[in-house]
Each structure stands twice: as structure tokens, then as C-alpha cells.
Amino acid sequence: MTRILVTGATGFIGSAVARRLKQDGHEVIPFRGNLLADALPDLRSSAATYCIHAAWYTNHADYLTHEVNREWVAASLRLVDAFAAAGGKRFVGLGTCLEYDVANAGGRCVEDSTPLDPQTLYARCKLDLFDELRKRGNSFAWARVFFVYGPGDRQGRLVPHMIEQFSRGEAAGPSCGGLRRDYIHVDDLAGQLVRIALSDVRGAINTGTGEAPTLTEIFAAGAHAFGRPELARGNNETGGQPPLIAAGMSRFGAEVGDLKARGIATGLRDLVA
């Protein structure tokens, strides 16, 4: 049985990772303690060979700009060092699609060809952590996460807000319905993260579906999931934002395997059900 240390195991993505690991027969070792503390607990007792680091600051109101992001870089590096000192062999960190130059990508973001140009403190700190991990030379993978929805999602984000409105029988639509975004169900993301951890992939690798429906199409799929297609509103506006942010999934397919990610219509039906 593989023992895997999971940080953020009670959070949105971390809890889905823990569920998937248990379903697959692995032993989940939740990190217990304050990752932002100056000293971490001795991790040798965990006897974990793998670590999936899903913890970070995620307050929807200000996670992109909050100065605590800098503290999470230092905390994550303490974790990496403590895990290695305890005999850990493989570390998986969660990055973000916002590390890419999404405004000028001109298509799907690809790990080895799309330039990096983070425009928020959150994305800058994620990229700083990635760079530090590369310097250490440990066995690590950096899973760049795109857009996620599913059970446990935070209020105020696109999909929970949409579902709340449709559940009340209210008509709803996005303000920028022409934007195309790669949304993945959190359980499918968790499956990809676990498979990345157990693979030999090193460095940055995208997670996602490789598809990019418009936000208008996502609202239409959400309304259909409630059996109320007439509630969906749409438009072709982009609001000056990058029109397309989607994961190029060629590396995942070649080095990990089939994506195993449901389309947005199926994912929303499952979520509503």
C-alpha cells in the first residue's frame, strides 16, 4: 500500500485528492499542523513516500493579491525540505494556468512552448515556488491547474453562483459569455493529480480537459442540468479578458495516459444530481 502525504486534505481540491487515493487503495496521510509555522512537525513518522501539496491561501475575495502568498512560498519550501529529510521520494506541487502569458498565448497553453508571464501576486508566487523546486533537483512534478468546479467549491465562484441562481428558478448568465475556459470537475482533477504523482513525470505538466466551452455554453449546460434550459442567458462579450485559456494536454496524454475527464455537460449534470 502506497502512503501519500496530502496537505490541504480538507480543502476543495485536497479533499477530492484524499477521496480518490482512498478509492484507489492508497493510504492517505493528512498533514496535521500549521504549514505557516516557522518549524514543521517531524514527518518521519508518516513514512510517506509521496506528497501531494494542495494547501494554499484560497480566499476568493483576495487570493490573487494577498501578501500571504509570499509566506506560502517559504512554507512550501520548508515542507519540501522536511519531506525530503524524512525520506520522501516524490513531491507534487499545484501550480496555476495563470503562470502562463495567457493574454498572448494565442491558443492552448503548452508546457514547453507557451511563455510564462504571471500577472498576479498569486501566480508569481506559484512560479517562484516552481523555480525553487527546479533548483533543488528533487523528484517533483508541477501540476498546473486551470479552472475547477465540483462538490465543495467556494461560494462566489462562477459555477456555485450559477447553480445557486438556477436552483431558485432564476434566469442567469455570465457577464462575459464569450470567454472560453477549460473547466474540469474536481474529482477528475483529483484523478489526474494522483496519476501524475504515481508517474515518472518531472517538471511542469498541465491538468484539465483540453476543451474550452464558452461561459455562455457553461450556463446553458447548467440550465439543462436543472431541466430548465429557458433560464440560461448568454452573450459574446469578453470584457477585454484573454478570450481563450485552455490546457494543452499532449504531454499528459503521452506520459501519463488518457485524460479521464468528463465534459462540462456531464460534469454539471453529475454535480446537480
Protein backbone atom coordinates (compact mmCIF):
# COMPACT_ATOMS: atom_id res chain seq x y z
CA MET A 1 0.00 0.00 0.00
CA THR A 2 1.37 3.41 -1.01
CA ARG A 3 1.44 6.03 1.73
CA ILE A 4 0.83 9.56 0.43
CA LEU A 5 1.06 12.74 2.47
CA VAL A 6 -1.61 15.27 1.46
CA THR A 7 -1.61 18.89 2.53
CA GLY A 8 -4.89 20.79 2.41
CA ALA A 9 -6.71 17.48 2.73
CA THR A 10 -9.87 19.19 3.99
CA GLY A 11 -9.93 21.79 1.23
CA PHE A 12 -11.71 21.82 -2.12
CA ILE A 13 -9.05 20.08 -4.22
CA GLY A 14 -7.21 18.34 -1.36
CA SER A 15 -10.33 16.57 -0.10
CA ALA A 16 -11.04 15.30 -3.61
CA VAL A 17 -7.46 14.02 -3.82
CA ALA A 18 -7.84 12.25 -0.49
CA ARG A 19 -11.10 10.63 -1.64
CA ARG A 20 -9.52 9.41 -4.87
CA LEU A 21 -6.49 8.00 -3.09
CA LYS A 22 -8.69 6.03 -0.72
CA GLN A 23 -10.83 4.76 -3.59
CA ASP A 24 -7.67 3.56 -5.34
CA GLY A 25 -6.48 1.70 -2.25
CA HIS A 26 -3.72 4.06 -1.11
CA GLU A 27 -3.16 5.21 2.45
CA VAL A 28 -3.78 8.93 2.92
CA ILE A 29 -1.65 10.73 5.49
CA PRO A 30 -3.24 14.16 6.05
CA PHE A 31 -0.74 16.82 7.06
CA ARG A 32 -1.57 17.92 10.57
CA GLY A 33 -0.14 21.19 11.75
CA ASN A 34 0.33 24.78 10.68
CA LEU A 35 2.26 24.96 7.43
CA LEU A 36 2.92 28.66 8.00
CA ALA A 37 4.67 27.95 11.31
CA ASP A 38 8.42 28.52 11.44
CA ALA A 39 9.05 24.86 12.23
CA LEU A 40 7.13 21.89 10.88
CA PRO A 41 6.46 18.64 12.75
CA ASP A 42 8.83 15.74 12.12
CA LEU A 43 7.43 13.93 9.08
CA ARG A 44 9.38 10.71 9.56
CA SER A 45 6.52 9.10 11.47
CA SER A 46 4.29 9.44 8.41
CA ALA A 47 6.53 7.06 6.45
CA ALA A 48 5.08 8.66 3.32
CA THR A 49 6.86 8.13 0.01
CA TYR A 50 4.80 10.67 -1.93
CA CYS A 51 3.49 14.13 -1.09
CA ILE A 52 0.70 15.99 -2.91
CA HIS A 53 0.81 19.61 -1.76
CA ALA A 54 -2.70 21.00 -2.25
CA ALA A 55 -2.69 23.60 0.55
CA TRP A 56 -2.51 27.33 -0.21
CA TYR A 57 -4.37 30.55 0.56
CA THR A 58 -7.67 30.41 -1.35
CA ASN A 59 -9.95 33.19 -0.11
CA HIS A 60 -11.88 34.03 -3.28
CA ALA A 61 -12.04 37.74 -2.47
CA ASP A 62 -8.30 38.41 -2.47
CA TYR A 63 -6.23 35.27 -3.11
CA LEU A 64 -4.80 36.80 -6.30
CA THR A 65 -3.32 39.79 -4.48
CA HIS A 66 -2.86 38.94 -0.79
CA GLU A 67 0.68 39.27 0.57
CA VAL A 68 0.30 35.93 2.37
CA ASN A 69 1.09 34.30 -0.97
CA ARG A 70 4.75 35.13 -0.29
CA GLU A 71 4.56 33.29 3.03
CA TRP A 72 3.18 30.24 1.25
CA VAL A 73 6.26 30.05 -0.96
CA ALA A 74 8.53 29.90 2.08
CA ALA A 75 6.19 27.49 3.87
CA SER A 76 6.08 25.19 0.87
CA LEU A 77 9.86 25.08 0.64
CA ARG A 78 10.08 24.17 4.34
CA LEU A 79 7.64 21.37 3.59
CA VAL A 80 9.72 20.15 0.64
CA ASP A 81 12.86 20.07 2.76
CA ALA A 82 11.14 18.40 5.72
CA PHE A 83 9.60 15.78 3.44
CA ALA A 84 12.95 15.01 1.80
CA ALA A 85 14.66 14.81 5.20
CA ALA A 86 12.02 12.29 6.30
CA GLY A 87 12.83 10.02 3.37
CA GLY A 88 10.12 11.22 0.98
CA LYS A 89 10.83 10.37 -2.63
CA ARG A 90 8.39 12.32 -4.80
CA PHE A 91 6.69 15.69 -4.39
CA VAL A 92 3.78 17.06 -6.42
CA GLY A 93 3.01 20.77 -6.19
CA LEU A 94 -0.05 22.51 -7.60
CA GLY A 95 0.60 25.40 -9.91
CA THR A 96 -1.81 27.54 -11.90
CA CYS A 97 -2.59 28.29 -15.53
CA LEU A 98 -2.08 31.95 -14.62
CA GLU A 99 1.68 31.35 -14.64
CA TYR A 100 1.39 31.39 -18.44
CA ASP A 101 1.25 34.54 -20.55
CA VAL A 102 -2.46 33.92 -21.03
CA ALA A 103 -3.06 37.29 -22.67
CA ASN A 104 -0.77 36.42 -25.58
CA ALA A 105 -0.86 32.62 -25.64
CA GLY A 106 -2.80 32.62 -28.89
CA GLY A 107 -4.28 29.21 -28.18
CA ARG A 108 -3.94 26.40 -25.69
CA CYS A 109 -1.19 26.73 -23.08
CA VAL A 110 1.59 24.21 -23.67
CA GLU A 111 4.22 23.43 -21.04
CA ASP A 112 7.36 23.72 -23.15
CA SER A 113 6.36 26.41 -25.61
CA THR A 114 3.91 28.92 -24.12
CA PRO A 115 5.80 31.80 -22.47
CA LEU A 116 5.39 32.38 -18.74
CA ASP A 117 4.32 35.81 -17.56
CA PRO A 118 2.31 35.82 -14.32
CA GLN A 119 0.27 39.00 -13.84
CA THR A 120 -0.88 38.48 -10.24
CA LEU A 121 1.00 38.01 -7.00
CA TYR A 122 -0.62 34.59 -6.57
CA ALA A 123 0.64 33.36 -9.93
CA ARG A 124 4.03 35.00 -9.43
CA CYS A 125 4.47 33.18 -6.11
CA LYS A 126 3.42 29.87 -7.65
CA LEU A 127 6.02 30.32 -10.38
CA ASP A 128 8.65 31.31 -7.79
CA LEU A 129 7.98 28.05 -5.96
CA PHE A 130 8.27 26.09 -9.21
CA ASP A 131 11.63 27.74 -9.93
CA GLU A 132 12.93 26.90 -6.44
CA LEU A 133 11.85 23.28 -6.81
CA ARG A 134 13.77 23.03 -10.06
CA LYS A 135 16.90 24.32 -8.33
CA ARG A 136 16.63 21.65 -5.64
CA GLY A 137 16.71 18.87 -8.21
CA ASN A 138 14.37 16.57 -6.28
CA SER A 139 11.91 14.25 -8.00
CA PHE A 140 8.94 16.54 -8.37
CA ALA A 141 6.05 17.28 -10.68
CA TRP A 142 4.34 20.64 -11.02
CA ALA A 143 0.67 20.21 -11.94
CA ARG A 144 -0.67 23.39 -13.49
CA VAL A 145 -4.36 23.65 -12.64
CA PHE A 146 -6.78 25.52 -14.90
CA PHE A 147 -10.44 26.02 -13.86
CA VAL A 148 -12.14 23.68 -11.39
CA TYR A 149 -15.71 23.09 -10.24
CA GLY A 150 -17.49 20.44 -8.21
CA PRO A 151 -18.53 19.46 -4.68
CA GLY A 152 -17.03 21.75 -2.06
CA ASP A 153 -16.43 24.67 -4.42
CA ARG A 154 -16.32 28.07 -2.74
CA GLN A 155 -19.30 30.41 -2.83
CA GLY A 156 -18.85 33.39 -5.09
CA ARG A 157 -17.11 31.46 -7.86
CA LEU A 158 -18.71 31.04 -11.26
CA VAL A 159 -20.26 27.58 -11.05
CA PRO A 160 -21.59 27.75 -7.45
CA HIS A 161 -23.10 31.15 -8.21
CA MET A 162 -24.73 29.81 -11.37
CA ILE A 163 -26.13 26.75 -9.61
CA GLU A 164 -27.49 28.85 -6.76
CA GLN A 165 -29.43 31.02 -9.21
CA PHE A 166 -30.80 28.12 -11.25
CA SER A 167 -31.76 26.22 -8.11
CA ARG A 168 -34.01 29.17 -7.19
CA GLY A 169 -35.55 29.14 -10.64
CA GLU A 170 -33.91 32.44 -11.56
CA ALA A 171 -32.65 33.25 -15.05
CA ALA A 172 -28.89 33.76 -15.14
CA GLY A 173 -25.98 34.28 -17.49
CA PRO A 174 -22.33 35.33 -17.41
CA SER A 175 -21.23 38.91 -17.83
CA CYS A 176 -18.56 37.85 -20.33
CA GLY A 177 -20.18 34.92 -22.08
CA GLY A 178 -17.72 34.81 -24.97
CA LEU A 179 -14.75 33.78 -22.82
CA ARG A 180 -13.60 30.19 -23.42
CA ARG A 181 -12.27 28.40 -20.34
CA ASP A 182 -11.07 24.87 -19.59
CA TYR A 183 -13.21 23.73 -16.64
CA ILE A 184 -12.59 20.32 -15.05
CA HIS A 185 -14.67 18.51 -12.41
CA VAL A 186 -12.68 18.40 -9.16
CA ASP A 187 -12.96 14.60 -8.95
CA ASP A 188 -11.47 14.27 -12.44
CA LEU A 189 -8.71 16.70 -11.48
CA ALA A 190 -8.00 14.62 -8.38
CA GLY A 191 -7.68 11.52 -10.53
CA GLN A 192 -5.19 13.30 -12.77
CA LEU A 193 -3.16 14.54 -9.79
CA VAL A 194 -2.94 11.05 -8.30
CA ARG A 195 -1.83 9.59 -11.62
CA ILE A 196 0.79 12.33 -12.01
CA ALA A 197 2.10 11.57 -8.52
CA LEU A 198 2.47 7.89 -9.29
CA SER A 199 4.06 8.51 -12.71
CA ASP A 200 7.63 9.40 -13.65
CA VAL A 201 6.71 12.84 -14.99
CA ARG A 202 9.03 15.60 -13.85
CA GLY A 203 8.59 19.34 -14.01
CA ALA A 204 5.52 21.21 -15.25
CA ILE A 205 2.54 19.32 -16.62
CA ASN A 206 -0.95 20.64 -17.35
CA THR A 207 -4.12 19.26 -15.87
CA GLY A 208 -7.53 19.81 -17.44
CA THR A 209 -9.84 18.59 -20.16
CA GLY A 210 -8.25 20.17 -23.21
CA GLU A 211 -11.69 21.60 -24.06
CA ALA A 212 -12.79 25.20 -23.70
CA PRO A 213 -16.54 25.89 -23.81
CA THR A 214 -17.68 29.48 -23.68
CA LEU A 215 -19.11 30.70 -20.40
CA THR A 216 -22.41 31.07 -22.24
CA GLU A 217 -22.24 27.37 -23.11
CA ILE A 218 -21.46 26.53 -19.49
CA PHE A 219 -24.56 28.40 -18.31
CA ALA A 220 -26.63 26.63 -20.97
CA ALA A 221 -25.33 23.26 -19.75
CA GLY A 222 -26.10 24.24 -16.15
CA ALA A 223 -29.68 25.19 -17.01
CA HIS A 224 -30.13 21.88 -18.88
CA ALA A 225 -28.84 20.03 -15.79
CA PHE A 226 -31.80 21.51 -13.90
CA GLY A 227 -34.19 20.69 -16.72
CA ARG A 228 -34.77 24.41 -17.21
CA PRO A 229 -32.93 25.41 -20.40
CA GLU A 230 -35.04 28.56 -20.69
CA LEU A 231 -33.28 30.01 -17.63
CA ALA A 232 -29.90 30.35 -19.37
CA ARG A 233 -28.86 33.74 -20.69
CA GLY A 234 -25.86 34.34 -22.92
CA ASN A 235 -23.74 36.83 -24.82
CA ASN A 236 -20.49 37.00 -26.76
CA GLU A 237 -18.73 39.59 -24.60
CA THR A 238 -15.12 39.10 -23.48
CA GLY A 239 -14.67 42.25 -21.41
CA GLY A 240 -11.12 42.71 -22.64
CA GLN A 241 -10.00 39.49 -20.96
CA PRO A 242 -7.98 36.71 -22.67
CA PRO A 243 -10.58 35.06 -24.94
CA LEU A 244 -9.17 31.54 -24.53
CA ILE A 245 -7.48 29.87 -21.55
CA ALA A 246 -7.24 26.14 -22.06
CA ALA A 247 -4.78 23.39 -21.26
CA GLY A 248 -2.72 21.77 -23.93
CA MET A 249 -2.88 18.14 -22.78
CA SER A 250 -0.43 16.48 -25.16
CA ARG A 251 2.20 15.85 -22.51
CA PHE A 252 -0.32 14.36 -20.11
CA GLY A 253 -1.64 12.05 -22.81
CA ALA A 254 1.83 10.93 -23.86
CA GLU A 255 3.40 10.46 -20.41
CA VAL A 256 0.50 9.74 -18.07
CA GLY A 257 -2.31 8.40 -20.26
CA ASP A 258 -5.96 9.00 -21.06
CA LEU A 259 -7.34 12.23 -19.57
CA LYS A 260 -10.39 10.56 -17.99
CA ALA A 261 -12.19 13.88 -17.70
CA ARG A 262 -15.91 14.30 -18.33
CA GLY A 263 -17.24 17.13 -20.50
CA ILE A 264 -18.89 20.14 -18.90
CA ALA A 265 -22.46 18.99 -19.64
CA THR A 266 -21.90 15.62 -17.97
CA GLY A 267 -19.99 17.14 -15.07
CA LEU A 268 -22.70 19.66 -14.32
CA ARG A 269 -25.41 17.00 -14.52
CA ASP A 270 -23.47 14.92 -12.01
CA LEU A 271 -22.94 17.90 -9.75
CA VAL A 272 -26.59 18.94 -9.78
CA ALA A 273 -27.72 15.35 -9.22
